[in-house]
Amino acid sequence: MTTELHKSAVFAVAVVVLATSSPAADNDVLYWMVDSSSATVSSGSGNSSLSDFFSSYDQPADSSFAARVRVTGGDVSGDTFLDLYYPGEQNEYFLVPGDLGVEMGDFSSAYMQSPLGAYGSPEYSFIVEIGNVVWSDGGYNGSWTETLAVSAATGYASLANYISQIGSTGLPQSAVWTPSQFTAVPEPSSGVLAIMGFALLALRRRKYGKGA
C-alpha cells in the first residue's frame, strides 16, 4: 500500500500505534476497495464501465472522484460513514473521518481499512458510495458535493470474510470487499425541480402575505 497520505489525511483525528503481534479485539476493520477496471454502473441509459461513467460527468475544477462507506440499519439516523485508517510508518495508522471518502486513484494498488467500531454487529448494513469531492485551501479542506452511484446494501453477516484486524498482513485480494455493480443516482427530473420551484414560490408569497 502506498505510504503517501491521501489529501483527506490532513483531517486526521488520531494516530493509532498497534503491535501487530497482539492486536486488540476492538480493532476489527472492514477491508474494502473499488476496482475501476471491473466495476459497472447501471443507469437509465443502460450499463457502462465505471471509467465511461466518469467520463460523462462534467467534473468541477479542483475536484476528485472518491468512494466512501455508508452505514445503515440499527440505530443509525442521518449520514453515517465508516472512518478510514491510512498506514504510516512503524505500524502507525492515521484515523481519518470517512465522510470525504478516499480518492479513486488510491485504489489502483491498495485496499482500504475502515474500523467498524459500534457498527460491527448484524443489525447494520453497508453501502459503497461513489461521488465527487471538491477541494479548497490548496487541498487542505474539502466537501463531498454529490453522490453519483451506490452499491447495494450488504449486511454485516455477509461481510464476515472481509473483516479482520487493523494491520493484518497476508490478506488475500479475494478477501477484500469489492462491490462490482453500482446504480447511478438519478439527477432530479425537470418535473421534480418544477414542483420544488412552485413550492418555494408559494412559501415566499405566503411569507410576504403575513408581512403585509
C-alpha atoms as a PDB file:
ATOM      1  CA  MET A   1       0.000   0.000   0.000  1.00  0.00           C
ATOM      2  CA  THR A   2       1.242   3.454  -0.786  1.00  0.00           C
ATOM      3  CA  THR A   3       2.841   5.324   2.106  1.00  0.00           C
ATOM      4  CA  GLU A   4       1.788   8.695   0.745  1.00  0.00           C
ATOM      5  CA  LEU A   5      -1.163  10.029   2.692  1.00  0.00           C
ATOM      6  CA  HIS A   6      -4.313  10.994   0.864  1.00  0.00           C
ATOM      7  CA  LYS A   7      -5.314  14.654   0.901  1.00  0.00           C
ATOM      8  CA  SER A   8      -8.018  13.978   3.455  1.00  0.00           C
ATOM      9  CA  ALA A   9      -5.409  12.712   5.909  1.00  0.00           C
ATOM     10  CA  VAL A  10      -4.959  16.316   6.990  1.00  0.00           C
ATOM     11  CA  PHE A  11      -8.244  15.789   8.804  1.00  0.00           C
ATOM     12  CA  ALA A  12      -6.711  13.036  10.926  1.00  0.00           C
ATOM     13  CA  VAL A  13      -8.196  12.931  14.403  1.00  0.00           C
ATOM     14  CA  ALA A  14      -5.894  10.323  15.921  1.00  0.00           C
ATOM     15  CA  VAL A  15      -2.811   8.258  15.372  1.00  0.00           C
ATOM     16  CA  VAL A  16      -3.133   4.649  16.486  1.00  0.00           C
ATOM     17  CA  VAL A  17       0.067   2.682  17.126  1.00  0.00           C
ATOM     18  CA  LEU A  18      -0.568  -1.057  17.213  1.00  0.00           C
ATOM     19  CA  ALA A  19       1.625  -4.028  17.998  1.00  0.00           C
ATOM     20  CA  THR A  20       0.831  -6.497  15.250  1.00  0.00           C
ATOM     21  CA  SER A  21       1.746  -9.417  17.495  1.00  0.00           C
ATOM     22  CA  SER A  22      -1.103  -8.775  19.943  1.00  0.00           C
ATOM     23  CA  PRO A  23      -3.937  -6.838  18.288  1.00  0.00           C
ATOM     24  CA  ALA A  24      -6.916  -5.894  20.439  1.00  0.00           C
ATOM     25  CA  ALA A  25     -10.314  -7.393  19.709  1.00  0.00           C
ATOM     26  CA  ASP A  26     -11.858  -3.979  19.127  1.00  0.00           C
ATOM     27  CA  ASN A  27      -9.505  -3.296  16.223  1.00  0.00           C
ATOM     28  CA  ASP A  28     -11.745  -5.104  13.735  1.00  0.00           C
ATOM     29  CA  VAL A  29     -11.833  -3.378  10.383  1.00  0.00           C
ATOM     30  CA  LEU A  30     -13.611  -3.870   7.083  1.00  0.00           C
ATOM     31  CA  TYR A  31     -11.202  -4.336   4.176  1.00  0.00           C
ATOM     32  CA  TRP A  32     -12.722  -2.843   1.025  1.00  0.00           C
ATOM     33  CA  MET A  33     -11.924  -1.259  -2.317  1.00  0.00           C
ATOM     34  CA  VAL A  34     -13.410  -0.185  -5.651  1.00  0.00           C
ATOM     35  CA  ASP A  35     -11.894  -1.727  -8.761  1.00  0.00           C
ATOM     36  CA  SER A  36     -12.471   0.771 -11.565  1.00  0.00           C
ATOM     37  CA  SER A  37     -11.375  -1.747 -14.178  1.00  0.00           C
ATOM     38  CA  SER A  38     -14.171  -4.217 -13.396  1.00  0.00           C
ATOM     39  CA  ALA A  39     -16.954  -2.183 -11.785  1.00  0.00           C
ATOM     40  CA  THR A  40     -20.044  -1.333 -13.826  1.00  0.00           C
ATOM     41  CA  VAL A  41     -22.715   1.299 -13.346  1.00  0.00           C
ATOM     42  CA  SER A  42     -26.387   0.817 -14.195  1.00  0.00           C
ATOM     43  CA  SER A  43     -28.331   3.897 -15.229  1.00  0.00           C
ATOM     44  CA  GLY A  44     -31.359   4.862 -17.296  1.00  0.00           C
ATOM     45  CA  SER A  45     -29.246   4.575 -20.418  1.00  0.00           C
ATOM     46  CA  GLY A  46     -28.060   1.043 -19.607  1.00  0.00           C
ATOM     47  CA  ASN A  47     -24.866  -0.388 -18.150  1.00  0.00           C
ATOM     48  CA  SER A  48     -21.445   1.169 -18.568  1.00  0.00           C
ATOM     49  CA  SER A  49     -17.989   0.735 -17.144  1.00  0.00           C
ATOM     50  CA  LEU A  50     -17.087   2.935 -14.219  1.00  0.00           C
ATOM     51  CA  SER A  51     -14.482   4.762 -16.301  1.00  0.00           C
ATOM     52  CA  ASP A  52     -17.031   5.524 -19.054  1.00  0.00           C
ATOM     53  CA  PHE A  53     -19.486   6.680 -16.408  1.00  0.00           C
ATOM     54  CA  PHE A  54     -16.890   9.099 -15.039  1.00  0.00           C
ATOM     55  CA  SER A  55     -16.050  10.411 -18.497  1.00  0.00           C
ATOM     56  CA  SER A  56     -19.660  11.514 -18.995  1.00  0.00           C
ATOM     57  CA  TYR A  57     -19.649  13.577 -15.809  1.00  0.00           C
ATOM     58  CA  ASP A  58     -18.838  17.286 -16.053  1.00  0.00           C
ATOM     59  CA  GLN A  59     -16.417  17.374 -13.136  1.00  0.00           C
ATOM     60  CA  PRO A  60     -15.873  20.714 -11.366  1.00  0.00           C
ATOM     61  CA  ALA A  61     -12.411  22.203 -11.050  1.00  0.00           C
ATOM     62  CA  ASP A  62     -10.251  21.146  -8.083  1.00  0.00           C
ATOM     63  CA  SER A  63     -12.296  18.014  -7.557  1.00  0.00           C
ATOM     64  CA  SER A  64     -11.737  14.268  -7.372  1.00  0.00           C
ATOM     65  CA  PHE A  65     -13.835  11.143  -7.727  1.00  0.00           C
ATOM     66  CA  ALA A  66     -13.944   9.351  -4.390  1.00  0.00           C
ATOM     67  CA  ALA A  67     -15.589   6.444  -2.581  1.00  0.00           C
ATOM     68  CA  ARG A  68     -16.876   6.066   0.974  1.00  0.00           C
ATOM     69  CA  VAL A  69     -18.817   3.502   3.022  1.00  0.00           C
ATOM     70  CA  ARG A  70     -22.241   4.471   4.341  1.00  0.00           C
ATOM     71  CA  VAL A  71     -23.702   2.722   7.400  1.00  0.00           C
ATOM     72  CA  THR A  72     -27.423   1.922   7.524  1.00  0.00           C
ATOM     73  CA  GLY A  73     -29.763  -0.043   9.781  1.00  0.00           C
ATOM     74  CA  GLY A  74     -29.839  -0.442  13.543  1.00  0.00           C
ATOM     75  CA  ASP A  75     -29.959   2.862  15.372  1.00  0.00           C
ATOM     76  CA  VAL A  76     -28.326   4.839  12.565  1.00  0.00           C
ATOM     77  CA  SER A  77     -30.013   8.097  11.665  1.00  0.00           C
ATOM     78  CA  GLY A  78     -28.747  10.650   9.210  1.00  0.00           C
ATOM     79  CA  ASP A  79     -25.481  10.423   7.313  1.00  0.00           C
ATOM     80  CA  THR A  80     -23.089   7.950   8.933  1.00  0.00           C
ATOM     81  CA  PHE A  81     -19.878   6.723   7.282  1.00  0.00           C
ATOM     82  CA  LEU A  82     -17.063   4.396   8.264  1.00  0.00           C
ATOM     83  CA  ASP A  83     -13.800   6.158   9.008  1.00  0.00           C
ATOM     84  CA  LEU A  84     -10.563   5.209   7.274  1.00  0.00           C
ATOM     85  CA  TYR A  85      -7.186   4.038   8.504  1.00  0.00           C
ATOM     86  CA  TYR A  86      -4.248   5.277   6.456  1.00  0.00           C
ATOM     87  CA  PRO A  87      -0.957   3.498   7.130  1.00  0.00           C
ATOM     88  CA  GLY A  88       2.134   5.410   8.116  1.00  0.00           C
ATOM     89  CA  GLU A  89       5.497   4.104   9.236  1.00  0.00           C
ATOM     90  CA  GLN A  90       6.324   1.753  12.114  1.00  0.00           C
ATOM     91  CA  ASN A  91       2.776   0.408  12.498  1.00  0.00           C
ATOM     92  CA  GLU A  92       1.228   3.857  12.773  1.00  0.00           C
ATOM     93  CA  TYR A  93      -2.274   4.288  11.384  1.00  0.00           C
ATOM     94  CA  PHE A  94      -3.874   7.662  10.831  1.00  0.00           C
ATOM     95  CA  LEU A  95      -7.594   7.663  11.549  1.00  0.00           C
ATOM     96  CA  VAL A  96      -9.389   9.854   9.014  1.00  0.00           C
ATOM     97  CA  PRO A  97     -13.098  10.795   9.062  1.00  0.00           C
ATOM     98  CA  GLY A  98     -14.854   8.858   6.326  1.00  0.00           C
ATOM     99  CA  ASP A  99     -17.321  11.448   5.038  1.00  0.00           C
ATOM    100  CA  LEU A 100     -14.874  12.654   2.358  1.00  0.00           C
ATOM    101  CA  GLY A 101     -14.020   9.107   1.372  1.00  0.00           C
ATOM    102  CA  VAL A 102     -10.864   8.103  -0.448  1.00  0.00           C
ATOM    103  CA  GLU A 103      -9.825   9.251  -3.907  1.00  0.00           C
ATOM    104  CA  MET A 104     -10.450   6.641  -6.568  1.00  0.00           C
ATOM    105  CA  GLY A 105      -6.817   6.788  -7.671  1.00  0.00           C
ATOM    106  CA  ASP A 106      -5.728   5.405  -4.312  1.00  0.00           C
ATOM    107  CA  PHE A 107      -7.399   2.089  -5.158  1.00  0.00           C
ATOM    108  CA  SER A 108      -5.053   1.421  -8.064  1.00  0.00           C
ATOM    109  CA  SER A 109      -2.680  -0.594  -5.890  1.00  0.00           C
ATOM    110  CA  ALA A 110      -4.302  -0.680  -2.463  1.00  0.00           C
ATOM    111  CA  TYR A 111      -7.357  -1.548  -0.436  1.00  0.00           C
ATOM    112  CA  MET A 112      -8.765   0.479   2.448  1.00  0.00           C
ATOM    113  CA  GLN A 113      -9.236  -0.377   6.102  1.00  0.00           C
ATOM    114  CA  SER A 114     -12.307   1.032   7.861  1.00  0.00           C
ATOM    115  CA  PRO A 115     -12.811   0.458  11.597  1.00  0.00           C
ATOM    116  CA  LEU A 116     -16.228  -0.982  12.381  1.00  0.00           C
ATOM    117  CA  GLY A 117     -16.422   0.257  15.948  1.00  0.00           C
ATOM    118  CA  ALA A 118     -20.011   0.226  17.220  1.00  0.00           C
ATOM    119  CA  TYR A 119     -21.282  -0.920  13.818  1.00  0.00           C
ATOM    120  CA  GLY A 120     -19.757  -4.387  13.939  1.00  0.00           C
ATOM    121  CA  SER A 121     -22.969  -6.326  14.557  1.00  0.00           C
ATOM    122  CA  PRO A 122     -25.717  -7.975  12.434  1.00  0.00           C
ATOM    123  CA  GLU A 123     -28.227  -5.116  12.535  1.00  0.00           C
ATOM    124  CA  TYR A 124     -26.038  -2.921  10.325  1.00  0.00           C
ATOM    125  CA  SER A 125     -25.574  -2.875   6.563  1.00  0.00           C
ATOM    126  CA  PHE A 126     -23.041  -1.068   4.412  1.00  0.00           C
ATOM    127  CA  ILE A 127     -23.186   0.730   1.067  1.00  0.00           C
ATOM    128  CA  VAL A 128     -20.243   1.915  -1.010  1.00  0.00           C
ATOM    129  CA  GLU A 129     -20.937   5.349  -2.449  1.00  0.00           C
ATOM    130  CA  ILE A 130     -19.038   6.877  -5.354  1.00  0.00           C
ATOM    131  CA  GLY A 131     -19.125  10.626  -5.677  1.00  0.00           C
ATOM    132  CA  ASN A 132     -17.245  13.837  -6.159  1.00  0.00           C
ATOM    133  CA  VAL A 133     -15.159  15.787  -3.646  1.00  0.00           C
ATOM    134  CA  VAL A 134     -14.270  19.423  -4.285  1.00  0.00           C
ATOM    135  CA  TRP A 135     -11.091  20.604  -2.574  1.00  0.00           C
ATOM    136  CA  SER A 136     -10.340  24.073  -1.252  1.00  0.00           C
ATOM    137  CA  ASP A 137      -7.456  25.817   0.533  1.00  0.00           C
ATOM    138  CA  GLY A 138      -4.927  24.059  -1.639  1.00  0.00           C
ATOM    139  CA  GLY A 139      -6.339  20.613  -0.829  1.00  0.00           C
ATOM    140  CA  TYR A 140      -6.466  21.046   2.944  1.00  0.00           C
ATOM    141  CA  ASN A 141     -10.238  21.267   3.111  1.00  0.00           C
ATOM    142  CA  GLY A 142     -12.957  19.738   1.023  1.00  0.00           C
ATOM    143  CA  SER A 143     -16.586  18.748   0.739  1.00  0.00           C
ATOM    144  CA  TRP A 144     -18.411  15.792  -0.760  1.00  0.00           C
ATOM    145  CA  THR A 145     -20.573  17.608  -3.271  1.00  0.00           C
ATOM    146  CA  GLU A 146     -22.522  14.861  -4.997  1.00  0.00           C
ATOM    147  CA  THR A 147     -23.158  11.128  -4.767  1.00  0.00           C
ATOM    148  CA  LEU A 148     -23.042   9.698  -8.285  1.00  0.00           C
ATOM    149  CA  ALA A 149     -23.561   5.943  -7.792  1.00  0.00           C
ATOM    150  CA  VAL A 150     -24.168   3.460  -4.990  1.00  0.00           C
ATOM    151  CA  SER A 151     -23.732  -0.263  -4.420  1.00  0.00           C
ATOM    152  CA  ALA A 152     -26.442  -2.485  -2.979  1.00  0.00           C
ATOM    153  CA  ALA A 153     -26.654  -2.590   0.813  1.00  0.00           C
ATOM    154  CA  THR A 154     -24.723  -5.569   2.216  1.00  0.00           C
ATOM    155  CA  GLY A 155     -25.369  -6.849   5.723  1.00  0.00           C
ATOM    156  CA  TYR A 156     -22.676  -7.320   8.335  1.00  0.00           C
ATOM    157  CA  ALA A 157     -23.109 -11.112   8.343  1.00  0.00           C
ATOM    158  CA  SER A 158     -22.375 -11.264   4.606  1.00  0.00           C
ATOM    159  CA  LEU A 159     -19.117  -9.357   5.086  1.00  0.00           C
ATOM    160  CA  ALA A 160     -17.555 -11.725   7.628  1.00  0.00           C
ATOM    161  CA  ASN A 161     -14.845 -12.848   5.200  1.00  0.00           C
ATOM    162  CA  TYR A 162     -13.741  -9.252   4.687  1.00  0.00           C
ATOM    163  CA  ILE A 163     -13.392  -8.317   8.352  1.00  0.00           C
ATOM    164  CA  SER A 164     -10.072  -8.710  10.108  1.00  0.00           C
ATOM    165  CA  GLN A 165      -7.866  -6.637  12.387  1.00  0.00           C
ATOM    166  CA  ILE A 166      -6.078  -3.460  11.529  1.00  0.00           C
ATOM    167  CA  GLY A 167      -2.641  -4.000  10.071  1.00  0.00           C
ATOM    168  CA  SER A 168      -3.242  -7.638   9.170  1.00  0.00           C
ATOM    169  CA  THR A 169      -0.703  -8.941   6.705  1.00  0.00           C
ATOM    170  CA  GLY A 170      -1.140 -11.530   4.011  1.00  0.00           C
ATOM    171  CA  LEU A 171      -4.799 -10.759   3.479  1.00  0.00           C
ATOM    172  CA  PRO A 172      -5.596 -12.172   0.028  1.00  0.00           C
ATOM    173  CA  GLN A 173      -7.102  -9.826  -2.536  1.00  0.00           C
ATOM    174  CA  SER A 174     -10.096 -12.155  -2.755  1.00  0.00           C
ATOM    175  CA  ALA A 175     -10.855 -11.346   0.893  1.00  0.00           C
ATOM    176  CA  VAL A 176     -11.334  -7.645   0.205  1.00  0.00           C
ATOM    177  CA  TRP A 177     -14.931  -6.486  -0.229  1.00  0.00           C
ATOM    178  CA  THR A 178     -15.042  -5.176  -3.801  1.00  0.00           C
ATOM    179  CA  PRO A 179     -18.560  -4.322  -4.981  1.00  0.00           C
ATOM    180  CA  SER A 180     -18.627  -4.633  -8.756  1.00  0.00           C
ATOM    181  CA  GLN A 181     -22.110  -3.319  -9.523  1.00  0.00           C
ATOM    182  CA  PHE A 182     -23.326   0.188  -8.830  1.00  0.00           C
ATOM    183  CA  THR A 183     -26.522   2.057  -9.593  1.00  0.00           C
ATOM    184  CA  ALA A 184     -26.358   5.650 -10.772  1.00  0.00           C
ATOM    185  CA  VAL A 185     -28.094   8.165  -8.535  1.00  0.00           C
ATOM    186  CA  PRO A 186     -30.569   9.942 -10.828  1.00  0.00           C
ATOM    187  CA  GLU A 187     -30.496  13.689 -11.102  1.00  0.00           C
ATOM    188  CA  PRO A 188     -33.727  15.457 -10.115  1.00  0.00           C
ATOM    189  CA  SER A 189     -36.087  15.408 -13.072  1.00  0.00           C
ATOM    190  CA  SER A 190     -37.399  18.627 -14.564  1.00  0.00           C
ATOM    191  CA  GLY A 191     -40.823  17.813 -13.117  1.00  0.00           C
ATOM    192  CA  VAL A 192     -39.463  17.468  -9.599  1.00  0.00           C
ATOM    193  CA  LEU A 193     -37.496  20.680  -9.980  1.00  0.00           C
ATOM    194  CA  ALA A 194     -40.635  22.461 -11.178  1.00  0.00           C
ATOM    195  CA  ILE A 195     -42.598  21.218  -8.157  1.00  0.00           C
ATOM    196  CA  MET A 196     -39.843  22.404  -5.840  1.00  0.00           C
ATOM    197  CA  GLY A 197     -39.861  25.786  -7.576  1.00  0.00           C
ATOM    198  CA  PHE A 198     -43.614  26.173  -7.192  1.00  0.00           C
ATOM    199  CA  ALA A 199     -43.390  25.181  -3.531  1.00  0.00           C
ATOM    200  CA  LEU A 200     -40.694  27.771  -2.846  1.00  0.00           C
ATOM    201  CA  LEU A 201     -42.696  30.409  -4.721  1.00  0.00           C
ATOM    202  CA  ALA A 202     -45.828  29.617  -2.699  1.00  0.00           C
ATOM    203  CA  LEU A 203     -43.839  29.789   0.537  1.00  0.00           C
ATOM    204  CA  ARG A 204     -42.400  33.147  -0.484  1.00  0.00           C
ATOM    205  CA  ARG A 205     -45.852  34.541  -1.292  1.00  0.00           C
ATOM    206  CA  ARG A 206     -47.202  33.260   1.994  1.00  0.00           C
ATOM    207  CA  LYS A 207     -44.339  34.938   3.854  1.00  0.00           C
ATOM    208  CA  TYR A 208     -44.986  38.244   2.105  1.00  0.00           C
ATOM    209  CA  GLY A 209     -48.714  37.887   2.776  1.00  0.00           C
ATOM    210  CA  LYS A 210     -48.128  37.565   6.509  1.00  0.00           C
ATOM    211  CA  GLY A 211     -45.855  40.574   6.478  1.00  0.00           C
ATOM    212  CA  ALA A 212     -48.422  42.795   4.743  1.00  0.00           C
END
